[in-house]
Amino acid sequence: MQATRPTPEAPTLPAAAHADFTLTTAEFAALNKIKPTSVRVRLSTTGHYFGVRPLRCANRRLLWPAVVVKA
């Protein structure tokens, strides 16, 4: 029998913080007047979109805050 290691828990945000992340990638892109592909490419290369980081859901979707980015 192998010893089991405890799996690290994913960091969670308080419930109030989840309320701020309500936009899908397409909605976030529309709010910022850009293409959703631009958001995805920037996120994959730098880990954020001009300082804005999305909330990664368990189903692999991204939820973004309703923020207009000034780049």
N, C-alpha and C. Protein backbone atom coordinates (compact mmCIF):
# COMPACT_ATOMS: atom_id res chain seq x y z
N MET A 1 0.84 -1.18 0.00
CA MET A 1 0.00 0.00 0.00
C MET A 1 0.88 1.24 0.00
N GLN A 2 0.57 2.16 -0.89
CA GLN A 2 1.33 3.38 -0.99
C GLN A 2 0.75 4.44 -0.06
N ALA A 3 1.65 5.23 0.45
CA ALA A 3 1.21 6.35 1.27
C ALA A 3 0.65 7.43 0.36
N THR A 4 -0.47 7.96 0.72
CA THR A 4 -1.06 9.02 -0.10
C THR A 4 -0.61 10.37 0.41
N ARG A 5 -0.32 11.22 -0.52
CA ARG A 5 0.06 12.58 -0.18
C ARG A 5 -1.17 13.46 -0.24
N PRO A 6 -1.28 14.36 0.66
CA PRO A 6 -2.43 15.28 0.56
C PRO A 6 -2.25 16.18 -0.66
N THR A 7 -3.31 16.37 -1.40
CA THR A 7 -3.25 17.24 -2.57
C THR A 7 -3.38 18.68 -2.12
N PRO A 8 -2.59 19.55 -2.72
CA PRO A 8 -2.70 20.96 -2.32
C PRO A 8 -4.04 21.52 -2.76
N GLU A 9 -4.63 22.27 -1.89
CA GLU A 9 -5.92 22.89 -2.19
C GLU A 9 -5.70 24.10 -3.09
N ALA A 10 -6.59 24.27 -4.04
CA ALA A 10 -6.52 25.44 -4.91
C ALA A 10 -6.89 26.67 -4.09
N PRO A 11 -6.21 27.77 -4.33
CA PRO A 11 -6.56 28.98 -3.57
C PRO A 11 -7.97 29.42 -3.92
N THR A 12 -8.70 29.78 -2.92
CA THR A 12 -10.07 30.21 -3.13
C THR A 12 -10.22 31.66 -2.71
N LEU A 13 -11.14 32.31 -3.35
CA LEU A 13 -11.44 33.70 -3.01
C LEU A 13 -12.68 33.74 -2.13
N PRO A 14 -12.81 34.75 -1.32
CA PRO A 14 -14.04 34.88 -0.54
C PRO A 14 -15.24 35.00 -1.48
N ALA A 15 -16.40 34.63 -0.99
CA ALA A 15 -17.61 34.65 -1.82
C ALA A 15 -17.89 36.03 -2.40
N ALA A 16 -17.59 37.07 -1.67
CA ALA A 16 -17.83 38.42 -2.17
C ALA A 16 -16.93 38.73 -3.36
N ALA A 17 -15.73 38.17 -3.38
CA ALA A 17 -14.80 38.43 -4.49
C ALA A 17 -15.27 37.75 -5.76
N HIS A 18 -15.95 36.60 -5.62
CA HIS A 18 -16.47 35.90 -6.80
C HIS A 18 -17.53 36.74 -7.52
N ALA A 19 -18.24 37.56 -6.80
CA ALA A 19 -19.30 38.36 -7.40
C ALA A 19 -18.73 39.38 -8.39
N ASP A 20 -17.49 39.77 -8.20
CA ASP A 20 -16.87 40.75 -9.09
C ASP A 20 -16.50 40.15 -10.44
N PHE A 21 -16.29 38.85 -10.51
CA PHE A 21 -15.87 38.16 -11.72
C PHE A 21 -17.10 37.56 -12.40
N THR A 22 -17.71 38.33 -13.27
CA THR A 22 -18.98 37.89 -13.86
C THR A 22 -18.94 37.79 -15.37
N LEU A 23 -17.91 38.30 -16.03
CA LEU A 23 -17.89 38.35 -17.48
C LEU A 23 -17.14 37.17 -18.09
N THR A 24 -17.64 36.67 -19.21
CA THR A 24 -16.91 35.67 -19.98
C THR A 24 -15.81 36.40 -20.76
N THR A 25 -14.96 35.64 -21.40
CA THR A 25 -13.89 36.25 -22.19
C THR A 25 -14.47 37.10 -23.32
N ALA A 26 -15.51 36.59 -23.98
CA ALA A 26 -16.13 37.35 -25.08
C ALA A 26 -16.75 38.65 -24.56
N GLU A 27 -17.41 38.61 -23.41
CA GLU A 27 -18.02 39.81 -22.84
C GLU A 27 -16.96 40.82 -22.39
N PHE A 28 -15.87 40.32 -21.80
CA PHE A 28 -14.76 41.18 -21.38
C PHE A 28 -14.14 41.86 -22.59
N ALA A 29 -13.98 41.10 -23.68
CA ALA A 29 -13.41 41.66 -24.91
C ALA A 29 -14.34 42.72 -25.50
N ALA A 30 -15.63 42.46 -25.51
CA ALA A 30 -16.58 43.43 -26.05
C ALA A 30 -16.57 44.72 -25.22
N LEU A 31 -16.47 44.59 -23.91
CA LEU A 31 -16.41 45.75 -23.03
C LEU A 31 -15.19 46.61 -23.34
N ASN A 32 -14.09 45.95 -23.69
CA ASN A 32 -12.85 46.66 -23.98
C ASN A 32 -12.64 46.92 -25.47
N LYS A 33 -13.66 46.61 -26.28
CA LYS A 33 -13.66 46.88 -27.72
C LYS A 33 -12.48 46.23 -28.44
N ILE A 34 -12.25 44.95 -28.13
CA ILE A 34 -11.22 44.17 -28.78
C ILE A 34 -11.78 42.79 -29.10
N LYS A 35 -11.00 41.98 -29.81
CA LYS A 35 -11.43 40.63 -30.14
C LYS A 35 -11.12 39.68 -28.98
N PRO A 36 -11.98 38.68 -28.75
CA PRO A 36 -11.70 37.71 -27.69
C PRO A 36 -10.37 36.99 -27.88
N THR A 37 -9.97 36.79 -29.13
CA THR A 37 -8.70 36.13 -29.40
C THR A 37 -7.53 36.95 -28.86
N SER A 38 -7.63 38.26 -28.94
CA SER A 38 -6.57 39.12 -28.42
C SER A 38 -6.40 38.93 -26.91
N VAL A 39 -7.51 38.79 -26.21
CA VAL A 39 -7.46 38.58 -24.77
C VAL A 39 -6.81 37.24 -24.47
N ARG A 40 -7.22 36.19 -25.19
CA ARG A 40 -6.68 34.84 -24.94
C ARG A 40 -5.19 34.76 -25.24
N VAL A 41 -4.76 35.38 -26.34
CA VAL A 41 -3.33 35.36 -26.70
C VAL A 41 -2.51 36.08 -25.66
N ARG A 42 -2.96 37.26 -25.26
CA ARG A 42 -2.22 38.04 -24.25
C ARG A 42 -2.16 37.29 -22.92
N LEU A 43 -3.26 36.63 -22.55
CA LEU A 43 -3.30 35.86 -21.30
C LEU A 43 -2.33 34.69 -21.37
N SER A 44 -2.28 34.00 -22.50
CA SER A 44 -1.42 32.83 -22.59
C SER A 44 0.06 33.20 -22.65
N THR A 45 0.39 34.37 -23.16
CA THR A 45 1.80 34.76 -23.25
C THR A 45 2.32 35.43 -21.99
N THR A 46 1.48 36.22 -21.33
CA THR A 46 1.96 36.98 -20.16
C THR A 46 1.31 36.56 -18.85
N GLY A 47 0.20 35.83 -18.91
CA GLY A 47 -0.49 35.43 -17.69
C GLY A 47 -1.52 36.42 -17.21
N HIS A 48 -1.71 37.51 -17.95
CA HIS A 48 -2.70 38.52 -17.60
C HIS A 48 -3.01 39.34 -18.84
N TYR A 49 -4.05 40.13 -18.78
CA TYR A 49 -4.35 41.06 -19.86
C TYR A 49 -4.14 42.47 -19.32
N PHE A 50 -2.98 43.01 -19.56
CA PHE A 50 -2.59 44.33 -19.09
C PHE A 50 -2.89 44.51 -17.59
N GLY A 51 -2.48 43.52 -16.81
CA GLY A 51 -2.62 43.58 -15.37
C GLY A 51 -3.89 42.98 -14.82
N VAL A 52 -4.84 42.64 -15.66
CA VAL A 52 -6.11 42.06 -15.20
C VAL A 52 -6.00 40.54 -15.33
N ARG A 53 -6.19 39.85 -14.22
CA ARG A 53 -6.14 38.38 -14.22
C ARG A 53 -7.54 37.83 -14.02
N PRO A 54 -7.89 36.81 -14.81
CA PRO A 54 -9.22 36.22 -14.67
C PRO A 54 -9.26 35.20 -13.54
N LEU A 55 -10.46 34.84 -13.16
CA LEU A 55 -10.70 33.77 -12.21
C LEU A 55 -10.88 32.49 -13.02
N ARG A 56 -10.07 31.49 -12.74
CA ARG A 56 -10.17 30.23 -13.47
C ARG A 56 -11.14 29.31 -12.72
N CYS A 57 -12.19 28.91 -13.40
CA CYS A 57 -13.19 28.03 -12.80
C CYS A 57 -12.75 26.57 -12.92
N ALA A 58 -13.39 25.70 -12.17
CA ALA A 58 -13.07 24.29 -12.19
C ALA A 58 -13.36 23.66 -13.55
N ASN A 59 -14.29 24.22 -14.30
CA ASN A 59 -14.63 23.68 -15.62
C ASN A 59 -13.78 24.31 -16.72
N ARG A 60 -12.66 24.92 -16.37
CA ARG A 60 -11.67 25.52 -17.27
C ARG A 60 -12.13 26.81 -17.93
N ARG A 61 -13.25 27.34 -17.52
CA ARG A 61 -13.69 28.63 -18.06
C ARG A 61 -13.03 29.75 -17.28
N LEU A 62 -12.99 30.89 -17.92
CA LEU A 62 -12.42 32.08 -17.30
C LEU A 62 -13.52 33.08 -17.03
N LEU A 63 -13.49 33.68 -15.87
CA LEU A 63 -14.41 34.76 -15.53
C LEU A 63 -13.59 36.01 -15.27
N TRP A 64 -13.99 37.08 -15.90
CA TRP A 64 -13.25 38.34 -15.84
C TRP A 64 -14.04 39.38 -15.06
N PRO A 65 -13.34 40.33 -14.43
CA PRO A 65 -14.04 41.44 -13.78
C PRO A 65 -14.50 42.45 -14.82
N ALA A 66 -15.50 43.23 -14.48
CA ALA A 66 -16.00 44.26 -15.38
C ALA A 66 -15.10 45.49 -15.29
N VAL A 67 -13.95 45.41 -15.95
CA VAL A 67 -12.94 46.46 -15.90
C VAL A 67 -12.62 46.89 -17.31
N VAL A 68 -12.56 48.21 -17.52
CA VAL A 68 -12.11 48.72 -18.81
C VAL A 68 -10.62 48.99 -18.67
N VAL A 69 -9.83 48.34 -19.51
CA VAL A 69 -8.37 48.43 -19.43
C VAL A 69 -7.88 49.64 -20.20
N LYS A 70 -6.98 50.38 -19.58
CA LYS A 70 -6.33 51.52 -20.24
C LYS A 70 -4.90 51.10 -20.53
N ALA A 71 -4.64 50.77 -21.77
CA ALA A 71 -3.30 50.30 -22.14
C ALA A 71 -2.48 51.39 -22.79
